Amino acid sequence: MELKWKFAATDFEWAVSLNRHMLKIVGLWPPDNRDAREIVKSKLRRLYNIVTLFFILTIPILMALMRVWGDMILMVENMQYALPILCAVFKVCILWYKQKGTGCTKLLFIDLLSLIDMIEIDWTKSKTKKERDVMLRRARITRAIVMSGWVITILTLIITFGLPCFGLTARHTTNLTDFGRPLPIQSYYLYNISTSPRFELTLLAQGFTMITTSLSYCGFDHFLGLLILHVCGQLENLHLRLMHMEMYSNFNVALKYNVQDHIRLIRSVELIDNIFGLMLLVIVIFFSIMFCLQGFLLVNVVHQKSQVSPIQLIWFVTALVYPFLHMFLCCVVGEILVTQSEKIHRATYEYAWYDTDPKAAKNLIMITLRANKTLCITAGKMFPMTMASFCNLLKTSAGYISVLLAKQN
């Protein structure tokens, strides 16, 4: 039994380690309430993340936006940096608020921590080899998403901060935006940054802050993917058990276990939706604005027949692909959740109840009624995060670009 638990605990560590390390760096991983030292460390990391995010990036970028107000090209270029950073600020504040919890005891009930505990329990409880294989397959997808996010983030940081070291820049520089050597991110500080070592220190501060900002921005989406894909794995295991109910010697006991497990998963999805729903709405708004801004720049380049350097073209593509992938990730995991929940309803509806005892068969009504409502995550309780919503959002944003092209012609 001890070896079995150790094997399951290793699986759990392997499944969540990448997400935990990413969020722990910025203090957003829910700490164990029993470890006071870990709670203090998490609060200090989170405070450092928020302070640097506000004073090194957010406020200077917004001040630079005010200085270029009226010049549409410079405003759009500034908002390419400002919108992702504002989105990261919103995510950090919401995750911080959700970790406070409510309660009258010393060990406060924390929603995020309860979800992590659920994942640990699912990994450590007894399961068949087929159920473990399903969970491992979902965990591999989660780890692949996290590693891909790391690669994309590193490439973005290299393009943003590596090029200025060689005297290159991916944005337009004018006397209005830069007084001396240009910084990677268009910003305005209350001191002269054109002299050494102020310029180098400011560049270094922006670099370190962008790393933590990127971790905050990506960590939210990857953590959401971890939670949803884990629930999808549990729904798939539930579907397998429902499809082979005849294997169990005691039908009523097995059905009771499956009904309780289904209710637990429904409540988990509701909890995830309550925590991440508002942030998903912010992501949708952010993606829509970024898509339209990039469309505006594209129309301007085509109409004005401006010469675009290869570096600017690379940055233009990166700034569009990065939010596109994150929006796509949220919609894909939402679509998988909808598909798995529909399988539960189909399995109970198509079950050969006529071959079982009538008193036992009527107990299937409970899980059939529960599975009748499709599980999904929503953007602010307004619309579900599915591939249909993603396609509709692309159509709407592309319609804006087509209107611009028509007016220019």
Protein backbone atom coordinates (compact mmCIF):
# COMPACT_ATOMS: atom_id res chain seq x y z
CA MET A 1 0.00 0.00 0.00
CA GLU A 2 2.85 2.39 0.84
CA LEU A 3 4.56 1.72 -2.51
CA LYS A 4 1.26 2.23 -4.33
CA TRP A 5 0.73 5.61 -2.62
CA LYS A 6 4.29 6.65 -3.42
CA PHE A 7 3.76 5.74 -7.08
CA ALA A 8 0.51 7.78 -7.18
CA ALA A 9 2.15 10.73 -5.39
CA THR A 10 4.91 10.70 -8.01
CA ASP A 11 2.28 10.84 -10.74
CA PHE A 12 0.64 13.84 -9.07
CA GLU A 13 3.97 15.64 -8.73
CA TRP A 14 4.77 14.98 -12.38
CA ALA A 15 1.35 16.25 -13.49
CA VAL A 16 1.36 19.59 -11.66
CA SER A 17 5.06 20.40 -11.18
CA LEU A 18 5.48 22.69 -14.22
CA ASN A 19 2.35 24.70 -13.41
CA ARG A 20 3.31 24.96 -9.75
CA HIS A 21 6.85 26.17 -10.46
CA MET A 22 5.57 28.79 -12.91
CA LEU A 23 2.98 30.23 -10.52
CA LYS A 24 5.18 29.90 -7.43
CA ILE A 25 7.76 32.27 -8.94
CA VAL A 26 5.19 35.08 -9.02
CA GLY A 27 3.46 34.03 -5.80
CA LEU A 28 0.18 32.93 -7.39
CA TRP A 29 0.27 29.23 -6.47
CA PRO A 30 -2.03 28.70 -3.45
CA PRO A 31 0.23 27.88 -0.47
CA ASP A 32 -0.52 25.19 2.08
CA ASN A 33 -2.38 26.82 4.98
CA ARG A 34 -0.50 24.59 7.42
CA ASP A 35 2.88 26.07 6.46
CA ALA A 36 3.11 29.64 7.81
CA ARG A 37 6.57 30.20 6.31
CA GLU A 38 5.37 29.24 2.83
CA ILE A 39 2.41 31.62 3.16
CA VAL A 40 4.73 34.53 3.99
CA LYS A 41 7.05 33.70 1.08
CA SER A 42 4.11 33.54 -1.31
CA LYS A 43 2.81 36.92 -0.15
CA LEU A 44 6.24 38.52 -0.55
CA ARG A 45 6.63 37.16 -4.10
CA ARG A 46 3.15 38.33 -5.00
CA LEU A 47 3.76 41.79 -3.53
CA TYR A 48 7.04 42.12 -5.43
CA ASN A 49 5.31 41.04 -8.63
CA ILE A 50 2.50 43.59 -8.27
CA VAL A 51 4.73 46.50 -7.23
CA THR A 52 7.20 46.03 -10.09
CA LEU A 53 4.38 45.39 -12.55
CA PHE A 54 2.73 48.69 -11.64
CA PHE A 55 5.70 51.03 -11.24
CA ILE A 56 8.15 49.68 -13.83
CA LEU A 57 5.76 48.79 -16.66
CA THR A 58 2.09 49.73 -16.25
CA ILE A 59 2.32 53.36 -15.15
CA PRO A 60 5.23 54.31 -17.52
CA ILE A 61 3.45 52.70 -20.48
CA LEU A 62 0.20 54.52 -19.74
CA MET A 63 2.12 57.80 -19.38
CA ALA A 64 3.74 57.16 -22.77
CA LEU A 65 0.28 56.50 -24.22
CA MET A 66 -0.90 59.89 -22.98
CA ARG A 67 2.09 61.59 -24.64
CA VAL A 68 1.38 60.08 -28.07
CA TRP A 69 -2.39 60.54 -27.83
CA GLY A 70 -3.70 61.72 -31.20
CA ASP A 71 -1.18 59.85 -33.35
CA MET A 72 -3.09 56.68 -34.22
CA ILE A 73 -0.08 54.66 -35.36
CA LEU A 74 1.91 55.38 -32.21
CA MET A 75 -1.15 54.78 -30.02
CA VAL A 76 -1.78 51.38 -31.59
CA GLU A 77 1.88 50.46 -31.20
CA ASN A 78 1.81 51.47 -27.54
CA MET A 79 -1.36 49.46 -26.89
CA GLN A 80 0.31 46.34 -28.28
CA TYR A 81 2.35 46.38 -25.07
CA ALA A 82 -0.16 48.09 -22.74
CA LEU A 83 -3.08 45.70 -23.27
CA PRO A 84 -1.22 42.44 -22.43
CA ILE A 85 0.31 44.08 -19.35
CA LEU A 86 -3.07 45.40 -18.19
CA CYS A 87 -4.51 41.94 -18.77
CA ALA A 88 -1.73 40.43 -16.63
CA VAL A 89 -2.44 42.98 -13.87
CA PHE A 90 -6.09 42.01 -13.89
CA LYS A 91 -5.26 38.31 -13.69
CA VAL A 92 -2.89 38.81 -10.77
CA CYS A 93 -5.42 40.88 -8.83
CA ILE A 94 -8.26 38.39 -9.41
CA LEU A 95 -6.15 35.35 -8.49
CA TRP A 96 -4.95 37.15 -5.36
CA TYR A 97 -8.53 37.97 -4.39
CA LYS A 98 -9.70 34.39 -5.02
CA GLN A 99 -6.98 33.03 -2.73
CA LYS A 100 -8.22 34.96 0.30
CA GLY A 101 -11.34 32.84 0.78
CA THR A 102 -13.95 33.24 3.49
CA GLY A 103 -14.52 31.55 6.81
CA CYS A 104 -14.39 31.93 10.57
CA THR A 105 -11.68 29.37 11.32
CA LYS A 106 -7.93 29.82 11.15
CA LEU A 107 -7.69 27.48 8.19
CA LEU A 108 -9.64 29.51 5.66
CA PHE A 109 -11.44 27.76 2.85
CA ILE A 110 -9.61 28.62 -0.36
CA ASP A 111 -11.26 27.79 -3.65
CA LEU A 112 -8.06 27.33 -5.62
CA LEU A 113 -6.49 25.17 -2.94
CA SER A 114 -9.59 22.98 -2.83
CA LEU A 115 -9.26 22.35 -6.57
CA ILE A 116 -5.61 21.38 -6.18
CA ASP A 117 -6.53 19.07 -3.31
CA MET A 118 -9.14 17.48 -5.57
CA ILE A 119 -6.47 16.76 -8.20
CA GLU A 120 -4.16 15.23 -5.58
CA ILE A 121 -6.94 13.02 -4.21
CA ASP A 122 -7.79 11.81 -7.72
CA TRP A 123 -4.17 10.86 -8.36
CA THR A 124 -3.66 9.09 -5.02
CA LYS A 125 -6.92 7.15 -4.77
CA SER A 126 -7.26 3.58 -6.05
CA LYS A 127 -7.83 3.30 -9.79
CA THR A 128 -7.52 0.79 -12.61
CA LYS A 129 -4.65 0.83 -15.09
CA LYS A 130 -6.97 2.11 -17.83
CA GLU A 131 -8.12 5.01 -15.63
CA ARG A 132 -4.53 5.88 -14.79
CA ASP A 133 -3.60 5.83 -18.47
CA VAL A 134 -6.42 8.28 -19.20
CA MET A 135 -5.17 10.65 -16.50
CA LEU A 136 -1.57 10.36 -17.72
CA ARG A 137 -2.66 11.15 -21.27
CA ARG A 138 -4.43 14.31 -20.13
CA ALA A 139 -1.43 15.27 -17.98
CA ARG A 140 0.90 14.90 -20.97
CA ILE A 141 -1.25 17.33 -22.93
CA THR A 142 -1.10 19.80 -20.04
CA ARG A 143 2.69 19.54 -19.79
CA ALA A 144 3.04 19.97 -23.56
CA ILE A 145 0.94 23.14 -23.39
CA VAL A 146 3.06 24.54 -20.55
CA MET A 147 6.36 23.76 -22.31
CA SER A 148 5.09 25.27 -25.57
CA GLY A 149 4.05 28.38 -23.63
CA TRP A 150 7.55 28.61 -22.15
CA VAL A 151 9.14 28.41 -25.60
CA ILE A 152 6.85 31.08 -27.07
CA THR A 153 7.40 33.35 -24.06
CA ILE A 154 11.18 33.01 -24.28
CA LEU A 155 11.15 33.77 -28.01
CA THR A 156 8.99 36.84 -27.39
CA LEU A 157 11.34 38.11 -24.68
CA ILE A 158 14.36 37.51 -26.92
CA ILE A 159 12.78 39.53 -29.71
CA THR A 160 11.72 42.31 -27.32
CA PHE A 161 14.88 42.64 -25.24
CA GLY A 162 17.59 40.93 -27.24
CA LEU A 163 17.41 43.18 -30.27
CA PRO A 164 18.05 46.50 -28.42
CA CYS A 165 21.35 45.06 -27.19
CA PHE A 166 22.47 45.11 -30.84
CA GLY A 167 21.03 48.56 -31.53
CA LEU A 168 17.90 47.17 -33.22
CA THR A 169 14.26 47.84 -32.38
CA ALA A 170 10.97 46.32 -33.48
CA ARG A 171 8.92 49.51 -33.06
CA HIS A 172 8.75 53.00 -34.51
CA THR A 173 10.90 55.55 -32.69
CA THR A 174 10.33 59.29 -32.89
CA ASN A 175 11.36 62.35 -30.90
CA LEU A 176 7.99 62.15 -29.23
CA THR A 177 8.44 58.60 -27.96
CA ASP A 178 12.21 58.45 -27.34
CA PHE A 179 14.66 61.15 -26.32
CA GLY A 180 17.79 59.04 -26.61
CA ARG A 181 18.44 55.35 -26.88
CA PRO A 182 15.12 53.54 -27.33
CA LEU A 183 13.91 51.08 -24.72
CA PRO A 184 12.34 47.78 -25.87
CA ILE A 185 8.95 48.87 -24.52
CA GLN A 186 7.55 52.31 -25.26
CA SER A 187 7.40 53.97 -21.84
CA TYR A 188 7.94 57.31 -20.14
CA TYR A 189 9.85 57.71 -16.86
CA LEU A 190 10.16 60.78 -14.67
CA TYR A 191 13.95 60.75 -14.91
CA ASN A 192 16.44 60.98 -17.76
CA ILE A 193 17.16 57.49 -19.08
CA SER A 194 19.42 58.50 -21.96
CA THR A 195 22.57 58.47 -19.83
CA SER A 196 24.49 55.54 -18.39
CA PRO A 197 24.01 53.69 -16.12
CA ARG A 198 20.34 54.79 -15.88
CA PHE A 199 19.52 53.37 -19.29
CA GLU A 200 21.11 49.99 -18.53
CA LEU A 201 19.42 49.75 -15.11
CA THR A 202 16.04 50.67 -16.60
CA LEU A 203 16.54 48.13 -19.38
CA LEU A 204 17.43 45.47 -16.82
CA ALA A 205 14.41 46.36 -14.65
CA GLN A 206 12.09 46.13 -17.64
CA GLY A 207 13.59 42.76 -18.57
CA PHE A 208 13.10 41.18 -15.14
CA THR A 209 9.60 42.64 -14.82
CA MET A 210 8.60 41.35 -18.25
CA ILE A 211 9.68 37.86 -17.21
CA THR A 212 7.41 37.90 -14.15
CA THR A 213 4.64 39.55 -16.19
CA SER A 214 4.87 36.82 -18.82
CA LEU A 215 4.72 34.14 -16.11
CA SER A 216 1.63 35.79 -14.63
CA TYR A 217 -0.03 36.09 -18.02
CA CYS A 218 0.76 32.53 -19.17
CA GLY A 219 0.40 30.89 -15.77
CA PHE A 220 -3.30 31.72 -15.58
CA ASP A 221 -4.11 30.09 -18.92
CA HIS A 222 -1.94 27.04 -18.22
CA PHE A 223 -3.46 26.60 -14.75
CA LEU A 224 -6.94 26.78 -16.26
CA GLY A 225 -5.89 24.16 -18.82
CA LEU A 226 -4.59 21.93 -16.02
CA LEU A 227 -7.86 22.10 -14.10
CA ILE A 228 -10.17 21.61 -17.08
CA LEU A 229 -8.16 18.77 -18.65
CA HIS A 230 -8.01 16.99 -15.30
CA VAL A 231 -11.80 17.23 -14.96
CA CYS A 232 -12.11 15.98 -18.55
CA GLY A 233 -9.95 12.97 -17.64
CA GLN A 234 -12.21 12.22 -14.67
CA LEU A 235 -15.28 12.54 -16.88
CA GLU A 236 -13.71 10.12 -19.35
CA ASN A 237 -13.08 7.62 -16.54
CA LEU A 238 -16.66 8.07 -15.37
CA HIS A 239 -17.84 7.39 -18.92
CA LEU A 240 -15.80 4.16 -19.02
CA ARG A 241 -17.29 2.99 -15.73
CA LEU A 242 -20.82 3.75 -16.90
CA MET A 243 -20.28 1.87 -20.15
CA HIS A 244 -19.21 -1.26 -18.25
CA MET A 245 -21.52 -1.29 -15.26
CA GLU A 246 -22.20 -4.98 -15.82
CA MET A 247 -18.66 -5.75 -14.61
CA TYR A 248 -19.53 -4.79 -11.03
CA SER A 249 -21.06 -7.40 -8.74
CA ASN A 250 -23.14 -4.85 -6.80
CA PHE A 251 -24.91 -2.58 -9.29
CA ASN A 252 -26.38 -0.22 -6.68
CA VAL A 253 -23.05 0.41 -4.92
CA ALA A 254 -21.28 1.06 -8.21
CA LEU A 255 -24.04 3.39 -9.41
CA LYS A 256 -24.01 5.29 -6.12
CA TYR A 257 -20.25 5.83 -6.42
CA ASN A 258 -20.59 7.05 -10.01
CA VAL A 259 -23.45 9.44 -9.16
CA GLN A 260 -21.44 10.95 -6.30
CA ASP A 261 -18.39 11.27 -8.53
CA HIS A 262 -20.46 12.98 -11.22
CA ILE A 263 -21.89 15.48 -8.73
CA ARG A 264 -18.37 16.19 -7.46
CA LEU A 265 -17.16 16.94 -10.99
CA ILE A 266 -20.18 19.18 -11.68
CA ARG A 267 -19.39 21.21 -8.57
CA SER A 268 -15.73 21.42 -9.57
CA VAL A 269 -16.65 22.86 -12.97
CA GLU A 270 -18.98 25.37 -11.33
CA LEU A 271 -16.19 26.40 -8.97
CA ILE A 272 -13.73 26.78 -11.85
CA ASP A 273 -16.26 28.88 -13.76
CA ASN A 274 -16.83 31.13 -10.74
CA ILE A 275 -13.09 31.68 -10.31
CA PHE A 276 -12.03 32.14 -13.93
CA GLY A 277 -15.22 33.40 -15.61
CA LEU A 278 -14.49 37.12 -15.23
CA MET A 279 -10.88 36.67 -16.33
CA LEU A 280 -11.99 34.73 -19.40
CA LEU A 281 -14.22 37.67 -20.32
CA VAL A 282 -11.21 39.98 -20.02
CA ILE A 283 -9.20 37.64 -22.28
CA VAL A 284 -11.97 37.70 -24.90
CA ILE A 285 -12.13 41.51 -24.85
CA PHE A 286 -8.34 41.77 -24.96
CA PHE A 287 -8.07 39.37 -27.90
CA SER A 288 -10.79 41.21 -29.83
CA ILE A 289 -9.09 44.57 -29.36
CA MET A 290 -5.64 43.20 -30.25
CA PHE A 291 -6.97 41.49 -33.38
CA CYS A 292 -8.61 44.74 -34.51
CA LEU A 293 -5.51 46.81 -33.74
CA GLN A 294 -3.32 44.46 -35.73
CA GLY A 295 -5.85 44.62 -38.56
CA PHE A 296 -5.65 48.40 -38.48
CA LEU A 297 -1.85 48.28 -38.76
CA LEU A 298 -2.10 45.77 -41.59
CA VAL A 299 -4.52 47.99 -43.51
CA ASN A 300 -2.29 50.99 -42.92
CA VAL A 301 0.79 49.16 -44.22
CA VAL A 302 -1.07 47.94 -47.32
CA HIS A 303 -2.67 51.31 -48.08
CA GLN A 304 0.35 53.48 -47.41
CA LYS A 305 2.66 50.89 -49.00
CA SER A 306 5.06 51.49 -46.14
CA GLN A 307 8.36 49.71 -45.96
CA VAL A 308 8.37 47.27 -43.06
CA SER A 309 11.67 45.89 -41.82
CA PRO A 310 12.00 42.12 -41.23
CA ILE A 311 12.32 42.75 -37.49
CA GLN A 312 9.11 44.75 -37.40
CA LEU A 313 7.38 42.08 -39.46
CA ILE A 314 8.50 39.37 -37.00
CA TRP A 315 7.20 41.40 -34.09
CA PHE A 316 3.95 42.11 -35.93
CA VAL A 317 3.35 38.38 -36.40
CA THR A 318 4.40 37.55 -32.82
CA ALA A 319 2.10 40.17 -31.31
CA LEU A 320 -0.81 38.63 -33.23
CA VAL A 321 -0.02 34.93 -32.74
CA TYR A 322 0.67 35.14 -28.99
CA PRO A 323 -2.86 36.21 -27.84
CA PHE A 324 -4.36 34.07 -30.62
CA LEU A 325 -2.83 30.90 -29.16
CA HIS A 326 -3.93 31.72 -25.62
CA MET A 327 -7.48 32.42 -26.74
CA PHE A 328 -7.42 29.24 -28.80
CA LEU A 329 -6.22 27.25 -25.77
CA CYS A 330 -9.09 28.46 -23.57
CA CYS A 331 -11.65 27.61 -26.25
CA VAL A 332 -10.14 24.18 -27.00
CA VAL A 333 -10.19 23.02 -23.37
CA GLY A 334 -13.74 24.37 -23.09
CA GLU A 335 -14.74 22.38 -26.17
CA ILE A 336 -13.18 19.21 -24.75
CA LEU A 337 -15.14 19.71 -21.52
CA VAL A 338 -18.42 20.05 -23.44
CA THR A 339 -17.67 16.91 -25.46
CA GLN A 340 -16.84 14.82 -22.40
CA SER A 341 -19.94 15.94 -20.49
CA GLU A 342 -22.14 15.05 -23.47
CA LYS A 343 -20.60 11.56 -23.48
CA ILE A 344 -21.82 11.06 -19.90
CA HIS A 345 -25.38 11.87 -20.91
CA ARG A 346 -25.16 9.61 -23.95
CA ALA A 347 -23.74 6.72 -21.90
CA THR A 348 -26.59 6.86 -19.34
CA TYR A 349 -29.23 7.35 -22.02
CA GLU A 350 -28.03 4.40 -24.10
CA TYR A 351 -27.40 2.06 -21.16
CA ALA A 352 -29.16 -1.34 -21.43
CA TRP A 353 -31.41 -0.68 -18.46
CA TYR A 354 -33.90 -3.28 -19.67
CA ASP A 355 -31.45 -6.06 -18.77
CA THR A 356 -31.15 -4.97 -15.14
CA ASP A 357 -33.47 -5.14 -12.18
CA PRO A 358 -36.24 -2.48 -12.51
CA LYS A 359 -35.63 -1.09 -9.01
CA ALA A 360 -31.93 -0.68 -9.77
CA ALA A 361 -32.52 0.65 -13.28
CA LYS A 362 -34.70 3.52 -12.10
CA ASN A 363 -31.76 4.86 -10.10
CA LEU A 364 -30.15 5.74 -13.44
CA ILE A 365 -32.66 8.60 -13.69
CA MET A 366 -30.61 10.66 -11.22
CA ILE A 367 -27.40 10.69 -13.25
CA THR A 368 -29.36 10.98 -16.53
CA LEU A 369 -31.04 14.17 -15.33
CA ARG A 370 -27.76 15.55 -14.01
CA ALA A 371 -25.98 14.82 -17.28
CA ASN A 372 -28.75 16.45 -19.32
CA LYS A 373 -27.18 19.87 -18.75
CA THR A 374 -23.89 20.28 -20.61
CA LEU A 375 -20.89 21.29 -18.50
CA CYS A 376 -18.95 24.28 -19.79
CA ILE A 377 -16.84 27.24 -18.74
CA THR A 378 -18.12 30.68 -19.65
CA ALA A 379 -16.75 34.15 -20.24
CA GLY A 380 -18.33 36.13 -17.43
CA LYS A 381 -21.48 33.94 -17.45
CA MET A 382 -22.27 35.45 -20.87
CA PHE A 383 -21.34 32.79 -23.44
CA PRO A 384 -19.52 29.43 -23.37
CA MET A 385 -15.85 29.12 -24.23
CA THR A 386 -16.06 26.73 -27.17
CA MET A 387 -14.67 26.56 -30.69
CA ALA A 388 -17.98 27.90 -32.03
CA SER A 389 -17.53 31.03 -29.89
CA PHE A 390 -13.92 31.32 -31.04
CA CYS A 391 -14.94 31.18 -34.71
CA ASN A 392 -17.70 33.75 -34.16
CA LEU A 393 -15.20 36.05 -32.48
CA LEU A 394 -12.81 35.73 -35.42
CA LYS A 395 -15.61 36.46 -37.87
CA THR A 396 -16.66 39.59 -35.97
CA SER A 397 -13.09 40.89 -35.71
CA ALA A 398 -12.36 40.08 -39.36
CA GLY A 399 -15.50 42.01 -40.30
CA TYR A 400 -13.94 45.12 -38.76
CA ILE A 401 -10.82 44.67 -40.91
CA SER A 402 -12.91 44.21 -44.07
CA VAL A 403 -14.72 47.49 -43.32
CA LEU A 404 -11.37 49.26 -42.99
CA LEU A 405 -10.18 47.81 -46.31
CA ALA A 406 -13.39 48.92 -48.00
CA LYS A 407 -13.03 52.46 -46.70
CA GLN A 408 -9.38 52.67 -47.73
CA ASN A 409 -10.25 51.55 -51.28
